[in-house]
Amino acid sequence: MERVVVVGLREGLHARPAALFVQEAGRQPVPVSIARPGGVPANAASILAVLTLDVAAGDEVVLTTAADGPEAATALVALERYLVQATPS
């Protein structure tokens, strides 16, 4: 499964927003990867991997999981919701 998301976070995935995203990814029932379109997938639960992507507000990212079913869909929706918000919670 995969979802393409436009990042709405004002700061992108830098510092605090990235740390909160990684925490959210770690809470998911299935592993999720994040990548720039056409790029190499990175572990969404790894702060170093996420920061390396250098994602800014307005950038597109692709969230993927090899899992299938309701748990996979739930994980992708939760991470998408975090990424599209205007400010981190």
N, C-alpha and C. Protein backbone atom coordinates (compact mmCIF):
# COMPACT_ATOMS: atom_id res chain seq x y z
N MET A 1 0.84 -1.18 0.00
CA MET A 1 0.00 0.00 0.00
C MET A 1 0.88 1.24 0.00
N GLU A 2 0.35 2.28 -0.63
CA GLU A 2 1.10 3.53 -0.62
C GLU A 2 0.16 4.73 -0.71
N ARG A 3 0.66 5.85 -0.21
CA ARG A 3 -0.08 7.12 -0.29
C ARG A 3 0.91 8.22 -0.61
N VAL A 4 0.54 9.07 -1.54
CA VAL A 4 1.34 10.25 -1.86
C VAL A 4 0.74 11.42 -1.08
N VAL A 5 1.60 12.15 -0.38
CA VAL A 5 1.16 13.20 0.53
C VAL A 5 1.95 14.47 0.26
N VAL A 6 1.27 15.61 0.27
CA VAL A 6 1.94 16.91 0.23
C VAL A 6 2.08 17.37 1.67
N VAL A 7 3.31 17.65 2.08
CA VAL A 7 3.60 18.02 3.47
C VAL A 7 3.09 19.43 3.74
N GLY A 8 2.22 19.55 4.73
CA GLY A 8 1.65 20.84 5.11
C GLY A 8 2.32 21.45 6.32
N LEU A 9 3.18 20.70 6.97
CA LEU A 9 3.86 21.21 8.17
C LEU A 9 4.70 22.43 7.80
N ARG A 10 4.50 23.53 8.49
CA ARG A 10 5.19 24.79 8.19
C ARG A 10 6.71 24.61 8.16
N GLU A 11 7.25 23.81 9.05
CA GLU A 11 8.69 23.59 9.14
C GLU A 11 9.16 22.38 8.32
N GLY A 12 8.24 21.72 7.63
CA GLY A 12 8.61 20.48 6.95
C GLY A 12 8.95 19.42 7.97
N LEU A 13 9.77 18.47 7.59
CA LEU A 13 10.17 17.41 8.52
C LEU A 13 11.58 17.70 9.04
N HIS A 14 11.67 18.75 9.85
CA HIS A 14 12.93 19.15 10.46
C HIS A 14 12.73 19.23 11.97
N ALA A 15 13.75 18.86 12.70
CA ALA A 15 13.77 18.97 14.16
C ALA A 15 12.52 18.40 14.83
N ARG A 16 11.77 19.25 15.55
CA ARG A 16 10.64 18.77 16.34
C ARG A 16 9.57 18.07 15.50
N PRO A 17 9.12 18.64 14.36
CA PRO A 17 8.11 17.95 13.58
C PRO A 17 8.57 16.56 13.12
N ALA A 18 9.85 16.43 12.79
CA ALA A 18 10.37 15.13 12.38
C ALA A 18 10.37 14.15 13.54
N ALA A 19 10.74 14.63 14.73
CA ALA A 19 10.75 13.76 15.91
C ALA A 19 9.34 13.27 16.23
N LEU A 20 8.36 14.17 16.12
CA LEU A 20 6.97 13.77 16.38
C LEU A 20 6.45 12.80 15.31
N PHE A 21 6.85 13.02 14.07
CA PHE A 21 6.47 12.10 12.99
C PHE A 21 7.05 10.71 13.25
N VAL A 22 8.30 10.65 13.63
CA VAL A 22 8.97 9.37 13.92
C VAL A 22 8.29 8.67 15.09
N GLN A 23 7.90 9.41 16.11
CA GLN A 23 7.18 8.81 17.24
C GLN A 23 5.85 8.22 16.76
N GLU A 24 5.15 8.96 15.94
CA GLU A 24 3.87 8.48 15.40
C GLU A 24 4.09 7.23 14.55
N ALA A 25 5.13 7.23 13.74
CA ALA A 25 5.44 6.05 12.90
C ALA A 25 5.75 4.84 13.78
N GLY A 26 6.47 5.06 14.88
CA GLY A 26 6.81 3.97 15.78
C GLY A 26 5.61 3.38 16.50
N ARG A 27 4.54 4.15 16.62
CA ARG A 27 3.32 3.66 17.27
C ARG A 27 2.44 2.83 16.34
N GLN A 28 2.74 2.83 15.07
CA GLN A 28 1.88 2.14 14.11
C GLN A 28 2.07 0.62 14.20
N PRO A 29 1.01 -0.13 13.88
CA PRO A 29 1.07 -1.59 14.00
C PRO A 29 1.88 -2.28 12.89
N VAL A 30 2.25 -1.52 11.87
CA VAL A 30 3.04 -2.08 10.76
C VAL A 30 4.17 -1.12 10.44
N PRO A 31 5.29 -1.61 9.90
CA PRO A 31 6.37 -0.71 9.50
C PRO A 31 5.98 0.10 8.27
N VAL A 32 6.39 1.37 8.28
CA VAL A 32 6.10 2.27 7.17
C VAL A 32 7.41 2.90 6.70
N SER A 33 7.49 3.11 5.39
CA SER A 33 8.63 3.82 4.80
C SER A 33 8.16 5.15 4.25
N ILE A 34 9.09 6.09 4.16
CA ILE A 34 8.82 7.40 3.59
C ILE A 34 9.90 7.70 2.56
N ALA A 35 9.51 8.31 1.46
CA ALA A 35 10.48 8.64 0.41
C ALA A 35 9.99 9.85 -0.37
N ARG A 36 10.91 10.48 -1.05
CA ARG A 36 10.52 11.46 -2.06
C ARG A 36 10.07 10.66 -3.28
N PRO A 37 9.16 11.19 -4.10
CA PRO A 37 8.73 10.44 -5.28
C PRO A 37 9.94 10.00 -6.12
N GLY A 38 10.01 8.72 -6.40
CA GLY A 38 11.11 8.16 -7.17
C GLY A 38 12.38 7.94 -6.38
N GLY A 39 12.36 8.29 -5.09
CA GLY A 39 13.56 8.17 -4.27
C GLY A 39 13.62 6.84 -3.53
N VAL A 40 14.68 6.67 -2.79
CA VAL A 40 14.91 5.46 -2.00
C VAL A 40 14.10 5.56 -0.72
N PRO A 41 13.29 4.54 -0.40
CA PRO A 41 12.49 4.57 0.83
C PRO A 41 13.37 4.55 2.09
N ALA A 42 12.92 5.32 3.08
CA ALA A 42 13.60 5.37 4.37
C ALA A 42 12.63 4.91 5.45
N ASN A 43 13.16 4.32 6.50
CA ASN A 43 12.34 3.87 7.62
C ASN A 43 11.72 5.09 8.30
N ALA A 44 10.38 5.17 8.30
CA ALA A 44 9.68 6.31 8.88
C ALA A 44 9.85 6.38 10.40
N ALA A 45 10.30 5.31 11.03
CA ALA A 45 10.49 5.30 12.48
C ALA A 45 11.93 5.62 12.87
N SER A 46 12.74 6.07 11.91
CA SER A 46 14.14 6.41 12.18
C SER A 46 14.35 7.91 11.99
N ILE A 47 14.70 8.61 13.06
CA ILE A 47 14.88 10.06 12.98
C ILE A 47 15.97 10.42 11.99
N LEU A 48 17.07 9.69 11.98
CA LEU A 48 18.15 10.01 11.04
C LEU A 48 17.71 9.81 9.60
N ALA A 49 16.98 8.74 9.34
CA ALA A 49 16.51 8.47 7.98
C ALA A 49 15.55 9.56 7.52
N VAL A 50 14.65 9.99 8.40
CA VAL A 50 13.67 11.02 8.04
C VAL A 50 14.35 12.36 7.82
N LEU A 51 15.27 12.75 8.70
CA LEU A 51 15.97 14.01 8.54
C LEU A 51 16.81 14.06 7.27
N THR A 52 17.36 12.92 6.88
CA THR A 52 18.18 12.85 5.67
C THR A 52 17.38 13.20 4.42
N LEU A 53 16.07 12.99 4.45
CA LEU A 53 15.24 13.30 3.28
C LEU A 53 15.12 14.80 3.04
N ASP A 54 15.36 15.61 4.06
CA ASP A 54 15.32 17.08 3.94
C ASP A 54 14.01 17.55 3.31
N VAL A 55 12.90 17.16 3.93
CA VAL A 55 11.57 17.47 3.43
C VAL A 55 11.11 18.83 3.94
N ALA A 56 10.70 19.70 3.02
CA ALA A 56 10.21 21.04 3.36
C ALA A 56 8.69 21.09 3.17
N ALA A 57 8.08 22.14 3.71
CA ALA A 57 6.65 22.36 3.51
C ALA A 57 6.36 22.43 2.01
N GLY A 58 5.30 21.76 1.59
CA GLY A 58 4.91 21.75 0.18
C GLY A 58 5.53 20.63 -0.63
N ASP A 59 6.52 19.94 -0.07
CA ASP A 59 7.13 18.80 -0.77
C ASP A 59 6.19 17.61 -0.78
N GLU A 60 6.29 16.81 -1.82
CA GLU A 60 5.55 15.54 -1.87
C GLU A 60 6.42 14.44 -1.30
N VAL A 61 5.78 13.54 -0.54
CA VAL A 61 6.44 12.33 -0.06
C VAL A 61 5.53 11.15 -0.34
N VAL A 62 6.12 9.98 -0.38
CA VAL A 62 5.36 8.75 -0.58
C VAL A 62 5.51 7.90 0.67
N LEU A 63 4.39 7.56 1.28
CA LEU A 63 4.36 6.66 2.43
C LEU A 63 4.00 5.28 1.92
N THR A 64 4.77 4.26 2.30
CA THR A 64 4.49 2.89 1.83
C THR A 64 4.63 1.90 2.98
N THR A 65 3.92 0.81 2.82
CA THR A 65 4.07 -0.32 3.73
C THR A 65 3.88 -1.59 2.92
N ALA A 66 4.64 -2.61 3.24
CA ALA A 66 4.51 -3.89 2.56
C ALA A 66 3.31 -4.66 3.11
N ALA A 67 2.82 -4.21 4.27
CA ALA A 67 1.67 -4.88 4.89
C ALA A 67 0.41 -4.58 4.08
N ASP A 68 -0.61 -5.36 4.35
CA ASP A 68 -1.89 -5.19 3.66
C ASP A 68 -3.00 -5.25 4.71
N GLY A 69 -4.15 -4.77 4.36
CA GLY A 69 -5.29 -4.88 5.26
C GLY A 69 -5.53 -3.63 6.08
N PRO A 70 -6.46 -3.74 7.05
CA PRO A 70 -6.88 -2.57 7.81
C PRO A 70 -5.76 -1.93 8.64
N GLU A 71 -4.85 -2.72 9.19
CA GLU A 71 -3.77 -2.15 9.98
C GLU A 71 -2.86 -1.29 9.12
N ALA A 72 -2.59 -1.74 7.90
CA ALA A 72 -1.75 -0.98 6.98
C ALA A 72 -2.43 0.33 6.60
N ALA A 73 -3.70 0.26 6.27
CA ALA A 73 -4.45 1.46 5.90
C ALA A 73 -4.49 2.45 7.06
N THR A 74 -4.72 1.95 8.26
CA THR A 74 -4.76 2.80 9.45
C THR A 74 -3.42 3.51 9.66
N ALA A 75 -2.33 2.79 9.50
CA ALA A 75 -1.00 3.37 9.69
C ALA A 75 -0.75 4.48 8.68
N LEU A 76 -1.06 4.24 7.42
CA LEU A 76 -0.81 5.26 6.40
C LEU A 76 -1.69 6.49 6.61
N VAL A 77 -2.93 6.29 6.99
CA VAL A 77 -3.84 7.42 7.24
C VAL A 77 -3.34 8.24 8.43
N ALA A 78 -2.90 7.60 9.50
CA ALA A 78 -2.41 8.31 10.68
C ALA A 78 -1.20 9.17 10.34
N LEU A 79 -0.28 8.63 9.56
CA LEU A 79 0.92 9.39 9.21
C LEU A 79 0.59 10.49 8.21
N GLU A 80 -0.32 10.23 7.31
CA GLU A 80 -0.74 11.27 6.37
C GLU A 80 -1.38 12.43 7.14
N ARG A 81 -2.24 12.14 8.08
CA ARG A 81 -2.88 13.19 8.88
C ARG A 81 -1.85 14.07 9.57
N TYR A 82 -0.81 13.45 10.09
CA TYR A 82 0.24 14.24 10.74
C TYR A 82 0.93 15.14 9.72
N LEU A 83 1.28 14.61 8.56
CA LEU A 83 2.05 15.37 7.58
C LEU A 83 1.28 16.53 6.94
N VAL A 84 -0.01 16.42 6.82
CA VAL A 84 -0.77 17.47 6.12
C VAL A 84 -1.17 18.61 7.04
N GLN A 85 -1.04 18.47 8.33
CA GLN A 85 -1.45 19.56 9.23
C GLN A 85 -0.54 20.77 9.06
N ALA A 86 -1.07 21.93 9.38
CA ALA A 86 -0.32 23.18 9.21
C ALA A 86 0.76 23.37 10.26
N THR A 87 0.55 22.85 11.47
CA THR A 87 1.56 22.96 12.52
C THR A 87 1.58 21.65 13.30
N PRO A 88 2.73 21.24 13.82
CA PRO A 88 2.78 19.98 14.56
C PRO A 88 2.01 20.08 15.87
N SER A 89 1.43 18.94 16.26
CA SER A 89 0.69 18.92 17.54
C SER A 89 1.60 18.58 18.69
